[in-house]
Each structure stands twice: as C-alpha cells, then as structure tokens.
C-alpha cells in the first residue's frame, strides 16, 4: 500500500484574493463548482474556510462511490485542506498569485490498496480524479 496522488491545476483570470474567497465559500460557491460526480453535498458546520465541515458522495466511476466527511483547515493563507473523517483522503486547494491572475491547484492524496488492485488504483485513479477536478476548475473559471 502506497500513497496515491491526483493533481489538477488551472490559471484563473482573476486576482488571488477574489479566487481565494470563492474557493473558501463552501456554502454558496462550492455547490456551483461541483460536477455530476458529486452527490448529496451539504455543509454541516461553518460554511466559509477553516472550521467548515461538509459531506458529499464522490462517484469517481460507475462502481466507485466514496462517502466524504471533510473538515477544513487553513494552515496558511490561500491553502485549504479538506481532511476526510471516513478515509485517509486529504485534498489541498492552493491559490497563488500570478500577476493579475491566480493559479489554483487541487491535490488529493490517500493510502492506496495493496496488491494488484493497488497497482490499478495507482495507475488509473489519479487520471480519473484529475478529469473530475478539471471540470471543477472549469466551473470556477466561469464563475469568476
């Protein structure tokens, strides 16, 4: 069993402060960013930035659904970390300045399965999750 990592990144045509505020808004903005891969999204505590708790079902494939119960922390400005209480999954959103624009990076890591299943997970899951995140980042770019 090894760490599996999926990453997506996009340059957004808006200042970092504006993008950070949108990314941190789990109550209003986040539901608008989610693709059809997300179901039953709800904020259970807080709603903006650190201290927020939210849950959803992530349907990565037709057979693979993950129940996520995330708690949000903000270890430094522009970085939100969503830690799943139901698994080893940790998703980090980082918004950095790029002149008048912003670069948004989503990175998810988790402990992969062992054996042949783990091999396939490490080989295919990152690409599938990247496609989902690319869709989320596209919606973010549209909202901005």
N, C-alpha and C. Protein backbone atom coordinates (compact mmCIF):
# COMPACT_ATOMS: atom_id res chain seq x y z
N UNK A 1 0.85 -1.17 0.00
CA UNK A 1 0.00 0.00 0.00
C UNK A 1 0.89 1.23 0.00
N UNK A 2 0.68 2.10 -0.99
CA UNK A 2 1.45 3.33 -1.07
C UNK A 2 0.52 4.52 -1.24
N UNK A 3 1.08 5.69 -1.13
CA UNK A 3 0.30 6.91 -1.32
C UNK A 3 -0.08 7.04 -2.79
N UNK A 4 -1.32 7.45 -3.02
CA UNK A 4 -1.79 7.76 -4.36
C UNK A 4 -2.07 9.26 -4.38
N UNK A 5 -1.67 9.92 -5.46
CA UNK A 5 -1.84 11.37 -5.56
C UNK A 5 -2.47 11.73 -6.90
N UNK A 6 -3.47 12.60 -6.84
CA UNK A 6 -4.11 13.14 -8.04
C UNK A 6 -4.03 14.65 -7.96
N UNK A 7 -3.66 15.29 -9.08
CA UNK A 7 -3.47 16.74 -9.09
C UNK A 7 -4.06 17.36 -10.34
N UNK A 8 -4.66 18.53 -10.17
CA UNK A 8 -5.12 19.34 -11.30
C UNK A 8 -4.79 20.79 -10.98
N UNK A 9 -4.52 21.56 -12.03
CA UNK A 9 -4.13 22.95 -11.84
C UNK A 9 -4.66 23.77 -13.00
N UNK A 10 -5.04 25.02 -12.70
CA UNK A 10 -5.55 25.90 -13.74
C UNK A 10 -5.24 27.35 -13.38
N UNK A 11 -4.91 28.14 -14.40
CA UNK A 11 -4.76 29.57 -14.21
C UNK A 11 -6.12 30.21 -14.40
N UNK A 12 -6.51 31.04 -13.43
CA UNK A 12 -7.82 31.70 -13.42
C UNK A 12 -7.59 33.19 -13.66
N UNK A 13 -8.40 33.77 -14.51
CA UNK A 13 -8.25 35.18 -14.88
C UNK A 13 -8.93 36.09 -13.86
N UNK A 14 -8.39 36.08 -12.64
CA UNK A 14 -8.91 36.92 -11.56
C UNK A 14 -7.85 37.00 -10.47
N UNK A 15 -7.87 38.08 -9.67
CA UNK A 15 -6.89 38.22 -8.59
C UNK A 15 -7.03 37.11 -7.53
N UNK A 16 -5.92 36.79 -6.91
CA UNK A 16 -5.88 35.70 -5.93
C UNK A 16 -6.86 35.90 -4.78
N UNK A 17 -7.01 37.13 -4.28
CA UNK A 17 -7.92 37.37 -3.15
C UNK A 17 -9.35 36.99 -3.51
N UNK A 18 -9.78 37.35 -4.71
CA UNK A 18 -11.14 37.03 -5.15
C UNK A 18 -11.32 35.51 -5.29
N UNK A 19 -10.34 34.86 -5.89
CA UNK A 19 -10.42 33.41 -6.10
C UNK A 19 -10.37 32.68 -4.76
N UNK A 20 -9.52 33.14 -3.84
CA UNK A 20 -9.44 32.51 -2.51
C UNK A 20 -10.78 32.59 -1.80
N UNK A 21 -11.45 33.74 -1.90
CA UNK A 21 -12.76 33.90 -1.25
C UNK A 21 -13.79 32.94 -1.85
N UNK A 22 -13.77 32.77 -3.16
CA UNK A 22 -14.72 31.86 -3.80
C UNK A 22 -14.44 30.41 -3.41
N UNK A 23 -13.17 30.02 -3.43
CA UNK A 23 -12.80 28.64 -3.09
C UNK A 23 -13.14 28.32 -1.63
N UNK A 24 -13.02 29.31 -0.75
CA UNK A 24 -13.28 29.10 0.68
C UNK A 24 -14.76 29.11 1.03
N UNK A 25 -15.61 29.50 0.09
CA UNK A 25 -17.05 29.60 0.33
C UNK A 25 -17.72 28.25 0.06
N UNK A 26 -17.77 27.43 1.08
CA UNK A 26 -18.34 26.09 0.95
C UNK A 26 -19.87 26.11 0.90
N UNK A 27 -20.47 27.17 1.42
CA UNK A 27 -21.94 27.24 1.49
C UNK A 27 -22.56 27.67 0.17
N UNK A 28 -22.03 28.72 -0.45
CA UNK A 28 -22.66 29.28 -1.66
C UNK A 28 -21.93 28.90 -2.95
N UNK A 29 -20.63 29.11 -2.97
CA UNK A 29 -19.88 28.90 -4.22
C UNK A 29 -19.60 27.44 -4.50
N UNK A 30 -19.16 26.70 -3.50
CA UNK A 30 -18.73 25.31 -3.74
C UNK A 30 -19.80 24.46 -4.44
N UNK A 31 -21.08 24.51 -4.03
CA UNK A 31 -22.06 23.70 -4.74
C UNK A 31 -22.14 24.02 -6.24
N UNK A 32 -21.85 25.25 -6.61
CA UNK A 32 -21.89 25.66 -8.02
C UNK A 32 -20.69 25.11 -8.80
N UNK A 33 -19.62 24.74 -8.11
CA UNK A 33 -18.42 24.23 -8.76
C UNK A 33 -18.48 22.73 -9.02
N UNK A 34 -19.31 22.04 -8.29
CA UNK A 34 -19.30 20.58 -8.32
C UNK A 34 -19.89 20.04 -9.62
N UNK A 35 -19.23 19.02 -10.15
CA UNK A 35 -19.68 18.35 -11.37
C UNK A 35 -20.68 17.26 -11.01
N UNK A 36 -21.14 16.56 -12.02
CA UNK A 36 -22.11 15.48 -11.81
C UNK A 36 -21.54 14.32 -10.99
N UNK A 37 -20.26 14.33 -10.74
CA UNK A 37 -19.61 13.27 -9.94
C UNK A 37 -19.88 13.41 -8.45
N UNK A 38 -20.42 14.56 -8.05
CA UNK A 38 -20.70 14.84 -6.64
C UNK A 38 -22.19 14.76 -6.40
N UNK A 39 -22.57 14.10 -5.29
CA UNK A 39 -23.99 13.99 -4.91
C UNK A 39 -24.13 14.29 -3.43
N UNK A 40 -25.33 14.70 -3.07
CA UNK A 40 -25.70 14.88 -1.65
C UNK A 40 -24.76 15.81 -0.89
N UNK A 41 -24.28 16.85 -1.56
CA UNK A 41 -23.38 17.80 -0.92
C UNK A 41 -24.13 18.61 0.13
N UNK A 42 -23.53 18.72 1.31
CA UNK A 42 -24.11 19.58 2.34
C UNK A 42 -23.05 20.07 3.31
N UNK A 43 -23.23 21.31 3.74
CA UNK A 43 -22.37 21.88 4.78
C UNK A 43 -23.04 21.58 6.11
N UNK A 44 -22.29 20.97 7.03
CA UNK A 44 -22.86 20.59 8.32
C UNK A 44 -22.41 21.48 9.46
N UNK A 45 -21.37 22.29 9.19
CA UNK A 45 -20.87 23.21 10.20
C UNK A 45 -20.08 24.32 9.50
N UNK A 46 -20.21 25.54 9.98
CA UNK A 46 -19.48 26.65 9.38
C UNK A 46 -20.01 26.97 7.99
N UNK A 47 -19.11 27.11 7.04
CA UNK A 47 -19.52 27.40 5.68
C UNK A 47 -18.48 28.19 4.91
N UNK A 48 -17.57 28.86 5.64
CA UNK A 48 -16.52 29.63 4.97
C UNK A 48 -15.18 29.30 5.61
N UNK A 49 -14.30 28.73 4.82
CA UNK A 49 -12.92 28.48 5.25
C UNK A 49 -12.77 27.50 6.39
N UNK A 50 -11.71 27.74 7.18
CA UNK A 50 -11.35 26.84 8.27
C UNK A 50 -12.52 26.65 9.24
N UNK A 51 -12.67 25.43 9.71
CA UNK A 51 -13.74 25.11 10.64
C UNK A 51 -14.98 24.56 9.96
N UNK A 52 -15.03 24.70 8.63
CA UNK A 52 -16.18 24.17 7.89
C UNK A 52 -16.13 22.65 7.90
N UNK A 53 -17.31 22.07 8.02
CA UNK A 53 -17.47 20.62 7.86
C UNK A 53 -18.51 20.43 6.77
N UNK A 54 -18.19 19.56 5.82
CA UNK A 54 -19.11 19.29 4.72
C UNK A 54 -19.04 17.81 4.37
N UNK A 55 -20.12 17.33 3.78
CA UNK A 55 -20.14 15.94 3.37
C UNK A 55 -20.70 15.83 1.96
N UNK A 56 -20.30 14.77 1.26
CA UNK A 56 -20.80 14.51 -0.09
C UNK A 56 -20.43 13.10 -0.49
N UNK A 57 -21.03 12.65 -1.56
CA UNK A 57 -20.66 11.38 -2.17
C UNK A 57 -19.93 11.72 -3.47
N UNK A 58 -18.75 11.15 -3.64
CA UNK A 58 -17.96 11.34 -4.85
C UNK A 58 -18.03 10.05 -5.65
N UNK A 59 -18.63 10.14 -6.82
CA UNK A 59 -18.76 8.97 -7.70
C UNK A 59 -17.69 9.08 -8.77
N UNK A 60 -16.56 8.48 -8.50
CA UNK A 60 -15.42 8.57 -9.41
C UNK A 60 -15.62 7.72 -10.66
N UNK A 61 -16.25 6.57 -10.49
CA UNK A 61 -16.58 5.69 -11.62
C UNK A 61 -17.99 5.15 -11.39
N UNK A 62 -18.49 4.39 -12.33
CA UNK A 62 -19.85 3.85 -12.18
C UNK A 62 -19.96 2.92 -10.97
N UNK A 63 -18.85 2.32 -10.56
CA UNK A 63 -18.88 1.38 -9.44
C UNK A 63 -18.24 1.93 -8.17
N UNK A 64 -17.54 3.04 -8.27
CA UNK A 64 -16.77 3.53 -7.12
C UNK A 64 -17.38 4.82 -6.58
N UNK A 65 -17.98 4.71 -5.38
CA UNK A 65 -18.55 5.88 -4.71
C UNK A 65 -17.88 6.00 -3.35
N UNK A 66 -17.43 7.20 -3.03
CA UNK A 66 -16.77 7.44 -1.75
C UNK A 66 -17.61 8.42 -0.95
N UNK A 67 -17.94 8.06 0.29
CA UNK A 67 -18.63 8.97 1.21
C UNK A 67 -17.57 9.82 1.89
N UNK A 68 -17.64 11.12 1.68
CA UNK A 68 -16.64 12.03 2.22
C UNK A 68 -17.27 12.86 3.34
N UNK A 69 -16.58 12.95 4.45
CA UNK A 69 -16.97 13.82 5.57
C UNK A 69 -15.75 14.67 5.87
N UNK A 70 -15.69 15.85 5.24
CA UNK A 70 -14.48 16.66 5.28
C UNK A 70 -14.53 17.74 6.36
N UNK A 71 -13.39 17.92 7.01
CA UNK A 71 -13.18 19.03 7.92
C UNK A 71 -12.11 19.91 7.28
N UNK A 72 -12.37 21.22 7.23
CA UNK A 72 -11.49 22.15 6.53
C UNK A 72 -10.58 22.88 7.53
N UNK A 73 -9.29 22.92 7.19
CA UNK A 73 -8.33 23.73 7.93
C UNK A 73 -7.65 24.67 6.92
N UNK A 74 -7.02 25.71 7.44
CA UNK A 74 -6.29 26.65 6.59
C UNK A 74 -4.91 26.88 7.23
N UNK A 75 -3.95 26.00 6.90
CA UNK A 75 -2.64 26.10 7.53
C UNK A 75 -1.89 27.39 7.18
N UNK A 76 -2.22 27.99 6.04
CA UNK A 76 -1.64 29.29 5.65
C UNK A 76 -2.60 29.95 4.67
N UNK A 77 -2.56 31.26 4.55
CA UNK A 77 -3.48 31.96 3.64
C UNK A 77 -3.36 31.42 2.21
N UNK A 78 -4.50 31.16 1.62
CA UNK A 78 -4.51 30.65 0.24
C UNK A 78 -4.45 29.15 0.14
N UNK A 79 -4.39 28.46 1.28
CA UNK A 79 -4.34 26.99 1.27
C UNK A 79 -5.44 26.45 2.18
N UNK A 80 -6.34 25.67 1.59
CA UNK A 80 -7.40 24.99 2.35
C UNK A 80 -7.16 23.50 2.27
N UNK A 81 -7.23 22.84 3.41
CA UNK A 81 -7.01 21.40 3.48
C UNK A 81 -8.30 20.74 3.96
N UNK A 82 -8.82 19.81 3.15
CA UNK A 82 -10.02 19.06 3.47
C UNK A 82 -9.60 17.65 3.87
N UNK A 83 -9.80 17.31 5.14
CA UNK A 83 -9.42 16.00 5.65
C UNK A 83 -10.67 15.16 5.84
N UNK A 84 -10.70 14.01 5.20
CA UNK A 84 -11.87 13.13 5.24
C UNK A 84 -11.84 12.26 6.50
N UNK A 85 -12.91 12.33 7.29
CA UNK A 85 -13.00 11.52 8.51
C UNK A 85 -13.25 10.05 8.20
N UNK A 86 -13.69 9.73 6.99
CA UNK A 86 -14.04 8.35 6.64
C UNK A 86 -12.92 7.58 5.96
N UNK A 87 -11.80 8.24 5.68
CA UNK A 87 -10.71 7.57 4.96
C UNK A 87 -9.41 8.33 5.19
N UNK A 88 -8.38 7.93 4.47
CA UNK A 88 -7.09 8.61 4.55
C UNK A 88 -6.99 9.76 3.55
N UNK A 89 -8.08 10.07 2.86
CA UNK A 89 -8.06 11.08 1.80
C UNK A 89 -7.91 12.49 2.36
N UNK A 90 -6.97 13.23 1.78
CA UNK A 90 -6.74 14.64 2.12
C UNK A 90 -6.65 15.41 0.81
N UNK A 91 -7.49 16.45 0.68
CA UNK A 91 -7.48 17.28 -0.51
C UNK A 91 -7.02 18.69 -0.13
N UNK A 92 -6.03 19.19 -0.87
CA UNK A 92 -5.48 20.52 -0.61
C UNK A 92 -5.76 21.42 -1.80
N UNK A 93 -6.40 22.55 -1.52
CA UNK A 93 -6.65 23.59 -2.52
C UNK A 93 -5.65 24.70 -2.25
N UNK A 94 -4.86 25.07 -3.25
CA UNK A 94 -3.89 26.14 -3.10
C UNK A 94 -4.15 27.20 -4.17
N UNK A 95 -4.30 28.44 -3.75
CA UNK A 95 -4.48 29.56 -4.67
C UNK A 95 -3.28 30.49 -4.51
N UNK A 96 -2.53 30.67 -5.59
CA UNK A 96 -1.36 31.54 -5.56
C UNK A 96 -1.50 32.65 -6.60
N UNK A 97 -0.85 33.77 -6.31
CA UNK A 97 -0.88 34.90 -7.23
C UNK A 97 -0.03 34.61 -8.45
N UNK A 98 -0.52 35.09 -9.60
CA UNK A 98 0.24 35.03 -10.85
C UNK A 98 0.00 36.35 -11.57
N UNK A 99 0.61 37.41 -11.04
CA UNK A 99 0.34 38.75 -11.55
C UNK A 99 -1.08 39.15 -11.21
N UNK A 100 -1.87 39.50 -12.22
CA UNK A 100 -3.28 39.85 -12.02
C UNK A 100 -4.17 38.61 -12.01
N UNK A 101 -3.57 37.47 -12.23
CA UNK A 101 -4.33 36.21 -12.28
C UNK A 101 -3.96 35.33 -11.09
N UNK A 102 -4.56 34.15 -11.06
CA UNK A 102 -4.33 33.21 -9.96
C UNK A 102 -4.08 31.82 -10.54
N UNK A 103 -3.31 31.05 -9.81
CA UNK A 103 -3.15 29.64 -10.14
C UNK A 103 -3.80 28.84 -9.02
N UNK A 104 -4.76 27.99 -9.40
CA UNK A 104 -5.46 27.16 -8.43
C UNK A 104 -5.01 25.71 -8.66
N UNK A 105 -4.57 25.10 -7.58
CA UNK A 105 -4.13 23.70 -7.63
C UNK A 105 -4.96 22.89 -6.65
N UNK A 106 -5.46 21.77 -7.12
CA UNK A 106 -6.16 20.82 -6.26
C UNK A 106 -5.32 19.55 -6.24
N UNK A 107 -4.96 19.10 -5.04
CA UNK A 107 -4.17 17.87 -4.91
C UNK A 107 -4.80 16.98 -3.86
N UNK A 108 -5.06 15.75 -4.23
CA UNK A 108 -5.63 14.78 -3.29
C UNK A 108 -4.67 13.61 -3.13
N UNK A 109 -4.46 13.22 -1.88
CA UNK A 109 -3.64 12.04 -1.58
C UNK A 109 -4.45 11.09 -0.71
N UNK A 110 -4.18 9.82 -0.83
CA UNK A 110 -4.79 8.81 0.03
C UNK A 110 -3.92 7.57 0.03
N UNK A 111 -4.14 6.70 1.01
CA UNK A 111 -3.42 5.44 1.09
C UNK A 111 -4.08 4.47 0.13
N UNK A 112 -3.33 4.02 -0.87
CA UNK A 112 -3.86 3.10 -1.87
C UNK A 112 -3.93 1.68 -1.35
N UNK A 113 -4.66 0.89 -2.08
CA UNK A 113 -4.80 -0.53 -1.76
C UNK A 113 -3.49 -1.27 -2.06
N UNK A 114 -3.36 -2.45 -1.54
CA UNK A 114 -2.20 -3.27 -1.81
C UNK A 114 -2.47 -4.21 -2.99
N UNK A 115 -1.45 -4.93 -3.39
CA UNK A 115 -1.60 -5.96 -4.41
C UNK A 115 -1.93 -5.42 -5.79
N UNK A 116 -2.54 -6.29 -6.60
CA UNK A 116 -2.86 -5.93 -7.98
C UNK A 116 -3.91 -4.82 -8.04
N UNK A 117 -4.85 -4.83 -7.09
CA UNK A 117 -5.85 -3.77 -7.04
C UNK A 117 -5.19 -2.42 -6.79
N UNK A 118 -4.19 -2.40 -5.93
CA UNK A 118 -3.46 -1.18 -5.65
C UNK A 118 -2.68 -0.68 -6.86
N UNK A 119 -2.15 -1.63 -7.64
CA UNK A 119 -1.45 -1.26 -8.86
C UNK A 119 -2.39 -0.53 -9.82
N UNK A 120 -3.58 -1.09 -10.02
CA UNK A 120 -4.54 -0.47 -10.92
C UNK A 120 -5.05 0.86 -10.37
N UNK A 121 -5.25 0.91 -9.05
CA UNK A 121 -5.69 2.16 -8.42
C UNK A 121 -4.64 3.26 -8.65
N UNK A 122 -3.39 2.95 -8.40
CA UNK A 122 -2.33 3.94 -8.54
C UNK A 122 -2.14 4.34 -10.01
N UNK A 123 -2.43 3.41 -10.93
CA UNK A 123 -2.27 3.67 -12.35
C UNK A 123 -3.40 4.51 -12.92
N UNK A 124 -4.65 4.22 -12.54
CA UNK A 124 -5.80 4.83 -13.20
C UNK A 124 -6.55 5.89 -12.38
N UNK A 125 -6.57 5.76 -11.07
CA UNK A 125 -7.35 6.69 -10.25
C UNK A 125 -6.88 8.14 -10.37
N UNK A 126 -5.58 8.43 -10.37
CA UNK A 126 -5.17 9.83 -10.48
C UNK A 126 -5.68 10.52 -11.75
N UNK A 127 -5.65 9.83 -12.87
CA UNK A 127 -6.13 10.41 -14.12
C UNK A 127 -7.63 10.67 -14.09
N UNK A 128 -8.39 9.73 -13.52
CA UNK A 128 -9.83 9.91 -13.41
C UNK A 128 -10.19 11.07 -12.50
N UNK A 129 -9.51 11.17 -11.37
CA UNK A 129 -9.78 12.26 -10.44
C UNK A 129 -9.34 13.61 -11.03
N UNK A 130 -8.24 13.61 -11.78
CA UNK A 130 -7.80 14.84 -12.45
C UNK A 130 -8.88 15.34 -13.41
N UNK A 131 -9.51 14.46 -14.15
CA UNK A 131 -10.58 14.87 -15.06
C UNK A 131 -11.74 15.50 -14.30
N UNK A 132 -12.09 14.92 -13.17
CA UNK A 132 -13.15 15.49 -12.33
C UNK A 132 -12.75 16.88 -11.86
N UNK A 133 -11.52 17.01 -11.37
CA UNK A 133 -11.04 18.31 -10.88
C UNK A 133 -10.92 19.33 -12.01
N UNK A 134 -10.55 18.89 -13.21
CA UNK A 134 -10.51 19.81 -14.34
C UNK A 134 -11.89 20.41 -14.58
N UNK A 135 -12.94 19.60 -14.42
CA UNK A 135 -14.30 20.10 -14.55
C UNK A 135 -14.66 21.10 -13.47
N UNK A 136 -14.23 20.84 -12.25
CA UNK A 136 -14.47 21.76 -11.14
C UNK A 136 -13.76 23.09 -11.39
N UNK A 137 -12.50 23.02 -11.84
CA UNK A 137 -11.74 24.24 -12.10
C UNK A 137 -12.30 25.02 -13.28
N UNK A 138 -12.86 24.31 -14.25
CA UNK A 138 -13.51 25.00 -15.37
C UNK A 138 -14.72 25.79 -14.88
N UNK A 139 -15.50 25.20 -13.99
CA UNK A 139 -16.65 25.92 -13.43
C UNK A 139 -16.20 27.12 -12.60
N UNK A 140 -15.10 26.96 -11.86
CA UNK A 140 -14.57 28.08 -11.09
C UNK A 140 -14.19 29.23 -12.03
N UNK A 141 -13.52 28.92 -13.13
CA UNK A 141 -13.12 29.95 -14.10
C UNK A 141 -14.36 30.65 -14.67
N UNK A 142 -15.43 29.91 -14.88
CA UNK A 142 -16.67 30.51 -15.42
C UNK A 142 -17.33 31.42 -14.38
N UNK A 143 -17.34 31.02 -13.13
CA UNK A 143 -17.98 31.80 -12.07
C UNK A 143 -17.24 33.11 -11.82
N UNK A 144 -15.91 33.05 -11.89
CA UNK A 144 -15.10 34.25 -11.65
C UNK A 144 -15.43 35.27 -12.71
